Amino acid sequence: MDNRKAVFTGKDGQSLAGRLELPAGDVVATAVFAHCFTCGKDSVAASRICRELAARGVAVLRFDFTGLGQSDGDFANTTFTSNVDDLVCAANHLRDTTGAPSVLIGHSLGGAAVLAAAHRVPEVRAVVTIGAPADTAHVEHLIGPSTAEIETHGVAEVLLAGRPFRISNDFLADIKQQNQTACIAGLDRALLVMHSPQDDLVGIDNARLIFDAARHPKSFVSLDGADHLLTDRADAAYVAEVLAAWASRYLTR
């Protein structure tokens, strides 16, 4: 397999950094992977799942959202809406260089982003969410007591997964105004919902809400025993294997 550096331009002109995982043989399909909130393209789940998919003939672009990892920009100036814009730019880059993506894959808040972005990428035939929240406002509980400080001062530093991030009031306002239920109901693509019953960060009820809101064709796969970040290599490999098998009828170039 081949792992190539990818650099493309975001909506506001910022440079976004990615990695394109290419199969050793023929490319049977292309996909974009959106990482979890405040994570990055090199997170355990992103890197392992994308490599496993490449081993099955799927070329996958994983990238850092604006202000994270090796991408330019200030994270404090980003919102969920800007994340969706980044995702569409990634799909456009893949279309221009390798082939338009037929599937979008998103982990955690990245899962919410692919649900919102799908209608803007016409070639997409299937969408996969992994441990995704049904409502973007779910992220607010991670910010917790810092919410009041953000609303008072416009921005505040919040400790997330042991790392400091500057969160703005614009971000809070943006996640509250998203209508994810409408996005899911109007998806008009095949949907695979993957979620662990043991997920203690984004509860399993979120999977039920997403599944119930979606129209057929839709499927649910339980990631029994996995944690939210899929830190066990076996869990990431299982996700990739099931995902590739499920999406095979939709993965066409």
Foldseek 3Di string as FASTA:
>chain_A
DDKDWDWFAFPVGWIWIKIKQAAPDAAFFEEEEEEAPLDFCPFPLNVLLQNLLNPVRYIYIYIGQDCHDPTHHAPQPDALVSSLRRRLRVQVSCCVPPRHHQEYEYAASGLLSCLQNLVVRVNHAEYEYELYALALLLCVVQQPPCLVVQVVPQWDWGQHPNDTGIYGPVRNVRSVPDDSLVSQQPVNHEYEYEYECPEPSHHPVRSVSSQVSHDPPYYYDYLYPAYRSRNDSVSSSVCSVVVCVVCVVRGHD
